[in-house]
PDB file of all heavy atoms in Angstrom:
ATOM      1  N   GLY A   1     -57.673-189.530-348.402  1.00  0.00           N
ATOM      2  CA  GLY A   1     -58.056-188.255-347.819  1.00  0.00           C
ATOM      3  C   GLY A   1     -59.363-188.360-347.079  1.00  0.00           C
ATOM      4  O   GLY A   1     -60.189-189.247-347.394  1.00  0.00           O
ATOM      5  N   LEU A   2     -59.577-187.544-346.115  1.00  0.00           N
ATOM      6  CA  LEU A   2     -60.820-187.564-345.356  1.00  0.00           C
ATOM      7  C   LEU A   2     -61.507-186.265-345.500  1.00  0.00           C
ATOM      8  O   LEU A   2     -61.036-185.250-345.008  1.00  0.00           O
ATOM      9  CB  LEU A   2     -60.502-187.883-343.872  1.00  0.00           C
ATOM     10  CG  LEU A   2     -61.664-188.142-342.928  1.00  0.00           C
ATOM     11  CD1 LEU A   2     -62.343-189.417-343.404  1.00  0.00           C
ATOM     12  CD2 LEU A   2     -61.194-188.249-341.538  1.00  0.00           C
ATOM     13  N   GLY A   3     -62.609-186.248-346.147  1.00  0.00           N
ATOM     14  CA  GLY A   3     -63.315-185.010-346.404  1.00  0.00           C
ATOM     15  C   GLY A   3     -64.786-185.094-345.974  1.00  0.00           C
ATOM     16  O   GLY A   3     -65.317-186.153-345.781  1.00  0.00           O
ATOM     17  N   LEU A   4     -65.441-183.953-345.920  1.00  0.00           N
ATOM     18  CA  LEU A   4     -66.844-183.889-345.622  1.00  0.00           C
ATOM     19  C   LEU A   4     -67.699-183.881-346.885  1.00  0.00           C
ATOM     20  O   LEU A   4     -68.860-184.138-346.831  1.00  0.00           O
ATOM     21  CB  LEU A   4     -67.138-182.676-344.727  1.00  0.00           C
ATOM     22  CG  LEU A   4     -66.495-182.715-343.373  1.00  0.00           C
ATOM     23  CD1 LEU A   4     -66.762-181.388-342.625  1.00  0.00           C
ATOM     24  CD2 LEU A   4     -66.988-183.940-342.542  1.00  0.00           C
ATOM     25  N   ARG A   5     -67.120-183.535-347.986  1.00  0.00           N
ATOM     26  CA  ARG A   5     -67.864-183.336-349.222  1.00  0.00           C
ATOM     27  C   ARG A   5     -68.343-184.715-349.792  1.00  0.00           C
ATOM     28  O   ARG A   5     -69.420-184.794-350.375  1.00  0.00           O
ATOM     29  CB  ARG A   5     -67.061-182.662-350.276  1.00  0.00           C
ATOM     30  CG  ARG A   5     -66.923-181.187-349.956  1.00  0.00           C
ATOM     31  CD  ARG A   5     -66.306-180.497-351.130  1.00  0.00           C
ATOM     32  NE  ARG A   5     -66.222-179.088-350.838  1.00  0.00           N
ATOM     33  CZ  ARG A   5     -67.011-178.178-351.448  1.00  0.00           C
ATOM     34  NH1 ARG A   5     -67.789-178.571-352.397  1.00  0.00           N
ATOM     35  NH2 ARG A   5     -66.986-176.925-351.136  1.00  0.00           N
ATOM     36  N   GLY A   6     -67.530-185.741-349.690  1.00  0.00           N
ATOM     37  CA  GLY A   6     -67.856-186.985-350.321  1.00  0.00           C
ATOM     38  C   GLY A   6     -68.722-187.893-349.456  1.00  0.00           C
ATOM     39  O   GLY A   6     -68.836-189.086-349.721  1.00  0.00           O
ATOM     40  N   THR A   7     -69.330-187.391-348.403  1.00  0.00           N
ATOM     41  CA  THR A   7     -70.109-188.244-347.501  1.00  0.00           C
ATOM     42  C   THR A   7     -71.441-188.617-348.189  1.00  0.00           C
ATOM     43  O   THR A   7     -72.010-187.832-348.888  1.00  0.00           O
ATOM     44  CB  THR A   7     -70.392-187.531-346.147  1.00  0.00           C
ATOM     45  OG1 THR A   7     -71.127-186.362-346.412  1.00  0.00           O
ATOM     46  CG2 THR A   7     -69.090-187.188-345.431  1.00  0.00           C
ATOM     47  N   THR A   8     -71.833-189.796-347.836  1.00  0.00           N
ATOM     48  CA  THR A   8     -73.164-190.238-348.287  1.00  0.00           C
ATOM     49  C   THR A   8     -74.218-189.839-347.274  1.00  0.00           C
ATOM     50  O   THR A   8     -73.875-189.404-346.202  1.00  0.00           O
ATOM     51  CB  THR A   8     -73.131-191.780-348.476  1.00  0.00           C
ATOM     52  OG1 THR A   8     -72.827-192.389-347.239  1.00  0.00           O
ATOM     53  CG2 THR A   8     -72.091-192.198-349.521  1.00  0.00           C
ATOM     54  N   ARG A   9     -75.453-190.105-347.596  1.00  0.00           N
ATOM     55  CA  ARG A   9     -76.538-189.776-346.632  1.00  0.00           C
ATOM     56  C   ARG A   9     -76.504-190.713-345.446  1.00  0.00           C
ATOM     57  O   ARG A   9     -76.887-190.285-344.337  1.00  0.00           O
ATOM     58  CB  ARG A   9     -77.890-189.909-347.369  1.00  0.00           C
ATOM     59  CG  ARG A   9     -78.179-188.843-348.290  1.00  0.00           C
ATOM     60  CD  ARG A   9     -79.545-189.044-348.842  1.00  0.00           C
ATOM     61  NE  ARG A   9     -80.118-187.723-349.070  1.00  0.00           N
ATOM     62  CZ  ARG A   9     -81.369-187.498-349.180  1.00  0.00           C
ATOM     63  NH1 ARG A   9     -82.233-188.490-349.137  1.00  0.00           N
ATOM     64  NH2 ARG A   9     -81.859-186.304-349.344  1.00  0.00           N
ATOM     65  N   GLU A  10     -76.052-191.912-345.642  1.00  0.00           N
ATOM     66  CA  GLU A  10     -76.060-192.841-344.520  1.00  0.00           C
ATOM     67  C   GLU A  10     -74.980-192.602-343.517  1.00  0.00           C
ATOM     68  O   GLU A  10     -75.072-192.983-342.347  1.00  0.00           O
ATOM     69  CB  GLU A  10     -75.978-194.267-345.032  1.00  0.00           C
ATOM     70  CG  GLU A  10     -74.710-194.590-345.799  1.00  0.00           C
ATOM     71  CD  GLU A  10     -74.785-195.919-346.516  1.00  0.00           C
ATOM     72  OE1 GLU A  10     -75.840-196.545-346.522  1.00  0.00           O
ATOM     73  OE2 GLU A  10     -73.719-196.289-347.064  1.00  0.00           O
ATOM     74  N   GLU A  11     -73.883-191.966-343.884  1.00  0.00           N
ATOM     75  CA  GLU A  11     -72.735-191.743-342.986  1.00  0.00           C
ATOM     76  C   GLU A  11     -73.103-190.908-341.789  1.00  0.00           C
ATOM     77  O   GLU A  11     -72.866-191.300-340.637  1.00  0.00           O
ATOM     78  CB  GLU A  11     -71.566-191.190-343.780  1.00  0.00           C
ATOM     79  CG  GLU A  11     -70.327-191.150-342.980  1.00  0.00           C
ATOM     80  CD  GLU A  11     -69.158-190.669-343.801  1.00  0.00           C
ATOM     81  OE1 GLU A  11     -69.184-190.758-345.027  1.00  0.00           O
ATOM     82  OE2 GLU A  11     -68.224-190.142-343.190  1.00  0.00           O
ATOM     83  N   PRO A  12     -73.714-189.684-341.926  1.00  0.00           N
ATOM     84  CA  PRO A  12     -74.095-188.934-340.759  1.00  0.00           C
ATOM     85  C   PRO A  12     -75.139-189.673-339.893  1.00  0.00           C
ATOM     86  O   PRO A  12     -75.077-189.580-338.642  1.00  0.00           O
ATOM     87  CB  PRO A  12     -74.714-187.641-341.329  1.00  0.00           C
ATOM     88  CG  PRO A  12     -74.172-187.525-342.645  1.00  0.00           C
ATOM     89  CD  PRO A  12     -73.959-188.909-343.154  1.00  0.00           C
ATOM     90  N   ALA A  13     -76.005-190.466-340.511  1.00  0.00           N
ATOM     91  CA  ALA A  13     -76.964-191.251-339.737  1.00  0.00           C
ATOM     92  C   ALA A  13     -76.257-192.319-338.886  1.00  0.00           C
ATOM     93  O   ALA A  13     -76.579-192.524-337.724  1.00  0.00           O
ATOM     94  CB  ALA A  13     -78.002-191.847-340.637  1.00  0.00           C
ATOM     95  N   LEU A  14     -75.277-192.958-339.490  1.00  0.00           N
ATOM     96  CA  LEU A  14     -74.535-194.015-338.706  1.00  0.00           C
ATOM     97  C   LEU A  14     -73.707-193.387-337.608  1.00  0.00           C
ATOM     98  O   LEU A  14     -73.631-193.933-336.551  1.00  0.00           O
ATOM     99  CB  LEU A  14     -73.638-194.801-339.721  1.00  0.00           C
ATOM    100  CG  LEU A  14     -74.336-195.727-340.667  1.00  0.00           C
ATOM    101  CD1 LEU A  14     -73.364-196.234-341.713  1.00  0.00           C
ATOM    102  CD2 LEU A  14     -74.983-196.866-339.902  1.00  0.00           C
ATOM    103  N   ILE A  15     -73.110-192.244-337.909  1.00  0.00           N
ATOM    104  CA  ILE A  15     -72.325-191.583-336.835  1.00  0.00           C
ATOM    105  C   ILE A  15     -73.213-191.113-335.734  1.00  0.00           C
ATOM    106  O   ILE A  15     -72.941-191.282-334.531  1.00  0.00           O
ATOM    107  CB  ILE A  15     -71.528-190.373-337.479  1.00  0.00           C
ATOM    108  CG1 ILE A  15     -70.485-190.905-338.397  1.00  0.00           C
ATOM    109  CG2 ILE A  15     -70.878-189.547-336.371  1.00  0.00           C
ATOM    110  CD1 ILE A  15     -69.822-189.832-339.277  1.00  0.00           C
ATOM    111  N   GLY A  16     -74.405-190.513-336.051  1.00  0.00           N
ATOM    112  CA  GLY A  16     -75.333-190.107-335.044  1.00  0.00           C
ATOM    113  C   GLY A  16     -75.896-191.267-334.212  1.00  0.00           C
ATOM    114  O   GLY A  16     -76.057-191.179-333.014  1.00  0.00           O
ATOM    115  N   PHE A  17     -76.148-192.391-334.898  1.00  0.00           N
ATOM    116  CA  PHE A  17     -76.647-193.537-334.166  1.00  0.00           C
ATOM    117  C   PHE A  17     -75.565-194.095-333.221  1.00  0.00           C
ATOM    118  O   PHE A  17     -75.833-194.397-332.083  1.00  0.00           O
ATOM    119  CB  PHE A  17     -77.074-194.661-335.125  1.00  0.00           C
ATOM    120  CG  PHE A  17     -77.671-195.855-334.405  1.00  0.00           C
ATOM    121  CD1 PHE A  17     -78.964-195.829-333.932  1.00  0.00           C
ATOM    122  CD2 PHE A  17     -76.878-196.967-334.238  1.00  0.00           C
ATOM    123  CE1 PHE A  17     -79.472-196.911-333.245  1.00  0.00           C
ATOM    124  CE2 PHE A  17     -77.411-198.079-333.529  1.00  0.00           C
ATOM    125  CZ  PHE A  17     -78.691-198.041-333.043  1.00  0.00           C
ATOM    126  N   THR A  18     -74.326-194.181-333.698  1.00  0.00           N
ATOM    127  CA  THR A  18     -73.259-194.734-332.879  1.00  0.00           C
ATOM    128  C   THR A  18     -72.963-193.855-331.683  1.00  0.00           C
ATOM    129  O   THR A  18     -72.754-194.383-330.588  1.00  0.00           O
ATOM    130  CB  THR A  18     -72.024-194.901-333.768  1.00  0.00           C
ATOM    131  OG1 THR A  18     -72.279-195.785-334.837  1.00  0.00           O
ATOM    132  CG2 THR A  18     -70.892-195.463-332.939  1.00  0.00           C
ATOM    133  N   CYS A  19     -72.887-192.564-331.884  1.00  0.00           N
ATOM    134  CA  CYS A  19     -72.439-191.625-330.851  1.00  0.00           C
ATOM    135  C   CYS A  19     -73.579-191.117-329.971  1.00  0.00           C
ATOM    136  O   CYS A  19     -73.332-190.751-328.807  1.00  0.00           O
ATOM    137  CB  CYS A  19     -71.707-190.458-331.431  1.00  0.00           C
ATOM    138  SG  CYS A  19     -70.166-190.973-332.256  1.00  0.00           S
ATOM    139  N   LEU A  20     -74.826-191.081-330.433  1.00  0.00           N
ATOM    140  CA  LEU A  20     -75.918-190.490-329.699  1.00  0.00           C
ATOM    141  C   LEU A  20     -77.046-191.474-329.372  1.00  0.00           C
ATOM    142  O   LEU A  20     -77.437-191.652-328.259  1.00  0.00           O
ATOM    143  CB  LEU A  20     -76.467-189.255-330.434  1.00  0.00           C
ATOM    144  CG  LEU A  20     -75.483-188.112-330.658  1.00  0.00           C
ATOM    145  CD1 LEU A  20     -76.115-187.071-331.558  1.00  0.00           C
ATOM    146  CD2 LEU A  20     -75.103-187.534-329.319  1.00  0.00           C
ATOM    147  N   ALA A  21     -77.600-192.075-330.427  1.00  0.00           N
ATOM    148  CA  ALA A  21     -78.789-192.927-330.243  1.00  0.00           C
ATOM    149  C   ALA A  21     -78.482-194.211-329.486  1.00  0.00           C
ATOM    150  O   ALA A  21     -79.268-194.594-328.619  1.00  0.00           O
ATOM    151  CB  ALA A  21     -79.432-193.209-331.571  1.00  0.00           C
ATOM    152  N   PHE A  22     -77.402-194.877-329.785  1.00  0.00           N
ATOM    153  CA  PHE A  22     -77.077-196.130-329.139  1.00  0.00           C
ATOM    154  C   PHE A  22     -76.809-195.962-327.638  1.00  0.00           C
ATOM    155  O   PHE A  22     -77.328-196.760-326.849  1.00  0.00           O
ATOM    156  CB  PHE A  22     -75.931-196.820-329.897  1.00  0.00           C
ATOM    157  CG  PHE A  22     -75.713-198.251-329.497  1.00  0.00           C
ATOM    158  CD1 PHE A  22     -76.759-199.151-329.483  1.00  0.00           C
ATOM    159  CD2 PHE A  22     -74.451-198.709-329.088  1.00  0.00           C
ATOM    160  CE1 PHE A  22     -76.580-200.477-329.119  1.00  0.00           C
ATOM    161  CE2 PHE A  22     -74.277-200.007-328.698  1.00  0.00           C
ATOM    162  CZ  PHE A  22     -75.345-200.920-328.738  1.00  0.00           C
ATOM    163  N   PRO A  23     -76.042-194.970-327.214  1.00  0.00           N
ATOM    164  CA  PRO A  23     -75.866-194.792-325.757  1.00  0.00           C
ATOM    165  C   PRO A  23     -77.204-194.377-325.070  1.00  0.00           C
ATOM    166  O   PRO A  23     -77.482-194.838-323.965  1.00  0.00           O
ATOM    167  CB  PRO A  23     -74.830-193.676-325.634  1.00  0.00           C
ATOM    168  CG  PRO A  23     -74.141-193.642-326.930  1.00  0.00           C
ATOM    169  CD  PRO A  23     -75.091-194.147-327.963  1.00  0.00           C
ATOM    170  N   LEU A  24     -78.001-193.562-325.776  1.00  0.00           N
ATOM    171  CA  LEU A  24     -79.250-193.168-325.181  1.00  0.00           C
ATOM    172  C   LEU A  24     -80.200-194.392-325.058  1.00  0.00           C
ATOM    173  O   LEU A  24     -80.873-194.548-324.028  1.00  0.00           O
ATOM    174  CB  LEU A  24     -79.907-192.126-326.088  1.00  0.00           C
ATOM    175  CG  LEU A  24     -81.212-191.509-325.543  1.00  0.00           C
ATOM    176  CD1 LEU A  24     -80.957-190.773-324.213  1.00  0.00           C
ATOM    177  CD2 LEU A  24     -81.755-190.529-326.557  1.00  0.00           C
ATOM    178  N   LEU A  25     -80.126-195.245-326.055  1.00  0.00           N
ATOM    179  CA  LEU A  25     -80.936-196.499-325.995  1.00  0.00           C
ATOM    180  C   LEU A  25     -80.454-197.400-324.836  1.00  0.00           C
ATOM    181  O   LEU A  25     -81.264-198.005-324.097  1.00  0.00           O
ATOM    182  CB  LEU A  25     -80.853-197.205-327.314  1.00  0.00           C
ATOM    183  CG  LEU A  25     -81.629-198.506-327.498  1.00  0.00           C
ATOM    184  CD1 LEU A  25     -83.159-198.181-327.481  1.00  0.00           C
ATOM    185  CD2 LEU A  25     -81.275-199.152-328.801  1.00  0.00           C
ATOM    186  N   ALA A  26     -79.150-197.524-324.689  1.00  0.00           N
ATOM    187  CA  ALA A  26     -78.583-198.340-323.614  1.00  0.00           C
ATOM    188  C   ALA A  26     -79.001-197.779-322.242  1.00  0.00           C
ATOM    189  O   ALA A  26     -79.320-198.483-321.344  1.00  0.00           O
ATOM    190  CB  ALA A  26     -77.102-198.429-323.732  1.00  0.00           C
ATOM    191  N   TRP A  27     -78.971-196.433-322.128  1.00  0.00           N
ATOM    192  CA  TRP A  27     -79.351-195.770-320.887  1.00  0.00           C
ATOM    193  C   TRP A  27     -80.852-195.969-320.598  1.00  0.00           C
ATOM    194  O   TRP A  27     -81.195-196.298-319.448  1.00  0.00           O
ATOM    195  CB  TRP A  27     -78.998-194.295-320.905  1.00  0.00           C
ATOM    196  CG  TRP A  27     -79.378-193.565-319.713  1.00  0.00           C
ATOM    197  CD1 TRP A  27     -78.855-193.632-318.499  1.00  0.00           C
ATOM    198  CD2 TRP A  27     -80.461-192.605-319.627  1.00  0.00           C
ATOM    199  NE1 TRP A  27     -79.453-192.789-317.638  1.00  0.00           N
ATOM    200  CE2 TRP A  27     -80.455-192.129-318.299  1.00  0.00           C
ATOM    201  CE3 TRP A  27     -81.387-192.131-320.507  1.00  0.00           C
ATOM    202  CZ2 TRP A  27     -81.392-191.231-317.866  1.00  0.00           C
ATOM    203  CZ3 TRP A  27     -82.323-191.184-320.098  1.00  0.00           C
ATOM    204  CH2 TRP A  27     -82.305-190.740-318.758  1.00  0.00           C
ATOM    205  N   ALA A  28     -81.652-195.901-321.600  1.00  0.00           N
ATOM    206  CA  ALA A  28     -83.100-195.999-321.376  1.00  0.00           C
ATOM    207  C   ALA A  28     -83.510-197.447-321.116  1.00  0.00           C
ATOM    208  O   ALA A  28     -84.407-197.677-320.293  1.00  0.00           O
ATOM    209  CB  ALA A  28     -83.826-195.497-322.667  1.00  0.00           C
ATOM    210  N   VAL A  29     -82.906-198.415-321.786  1.00  0.00           N
ATOM    211  CA  VAL A  29     -83.277-199.828-321.572  1.00  0.00           C
ATOM    212  C   VAL A  29     -82.661-200.336-320.242  1.00  0.00           C
ATOM    213  O   VAL A  29     -83.345-200.979-319.410  1.00  0.00           O
ATOM    214  CB  VAL A  29     -82.797-200.663-322.775  1.00  0.00           C
ATOM    215  CG1 VAL A  29     -82.944-202.146-322.453  1.00  0.00           C
ATOM    216  CG2 VAL A  29     -83.659-200.317-323.968  1.00  0.00           C
ATOM    217  N   CYS A  30     -81.411-200.070-320.024  1.00  0.00           N
ATOM    218  CA  CYS A  30     -80.722-200.680-318.860  1.00  0.00           C
ATOM    219  C   CYS A  30     -81.082-199.984-317.558  1.00  0.00           C
ATOM    220  O   CYS A  30     -81.175-200.619-316.498  1.00  0.00           O
ATOM    221  CB  CYS A  30     -79.195-200.606-319.071  1.00  0.00           C
ATOM    222  SG  CYS A  30     -78.640-201.695-320.405  1.00  0.00           S
ATOM    223  N   GLY A  31     -81.321-198.677-317.610  1.00  0.00           N
ATOM    224  CA  GLY A  31     -81.692-197.909-316.419  1.00  0.00           C
ATOM    225  C   GLY A  31     -83.070-198.199-315.936  1.00  0.00           C
ATOM    226  O   GLY A  31     -83.274-199.017-314.997  1.00  0.00           O
ATOM    227  N   PRO A  32     -84.088-197.514-316.486  1.00  0.00           N
ATOM    228  CA  PRO A  32     -85.413-197.695-315.955  1.00  0.00           C
ATOM    229  C   PRO A  32     -86.033-199.049-316.271  1.00  0.00           C
ATOM    230  O   PRO A  32     -86.765-199.615-315.452  1.00  0.00           O
ATOM    231  CB  PRO A  32     -86.220-196.584-316.750  1.00  0.00           C
ATOM    232  CG  PRO A  32     -85.215-195.707-317.326  1.00  0.00           C
ATOM    233  CD  PRO A  32     -83.965-196.474-317.475  1.00  0.00           C
ATOM    234  N   LEU A  33     -85.737-199.612-317.396  1.00  0.00           N
ATOM    235  CA  LEU A  33     -86.389-200.865-317.783  1.00  0.00           C
ATOM    236  C   LEU A  33     -85.827-202.076-317.052  1.00  0.00           C
ATOM    237  O   LEU A  33     -86.634-202.903-316.572  1.00  0.00           O
ATOM    238  CB  LEU A  33     -86.298-201.049-319.312  1.00  0.00           C
ATOM    239  CG  LEU A  33     -87.328-201.924-319.963  1.00  0.00           C
ATOM    240  CD1 LEU A  33     -88.746-201.346-319.763  1.00  0.00           C
ATOM    241  CD2 LEU A  33     -87.048-202.022-321.451  1.00  0.00           C
TER     242      LEU A  33
END
């Protein structure tokens, strides 16, 4: 089953990094830098 209750603290951080921080980092490094 897939639920939101059993999530660990690291799971939202990994999801946020994968979906938000990593593309932003790629854009910031590859674009201006």
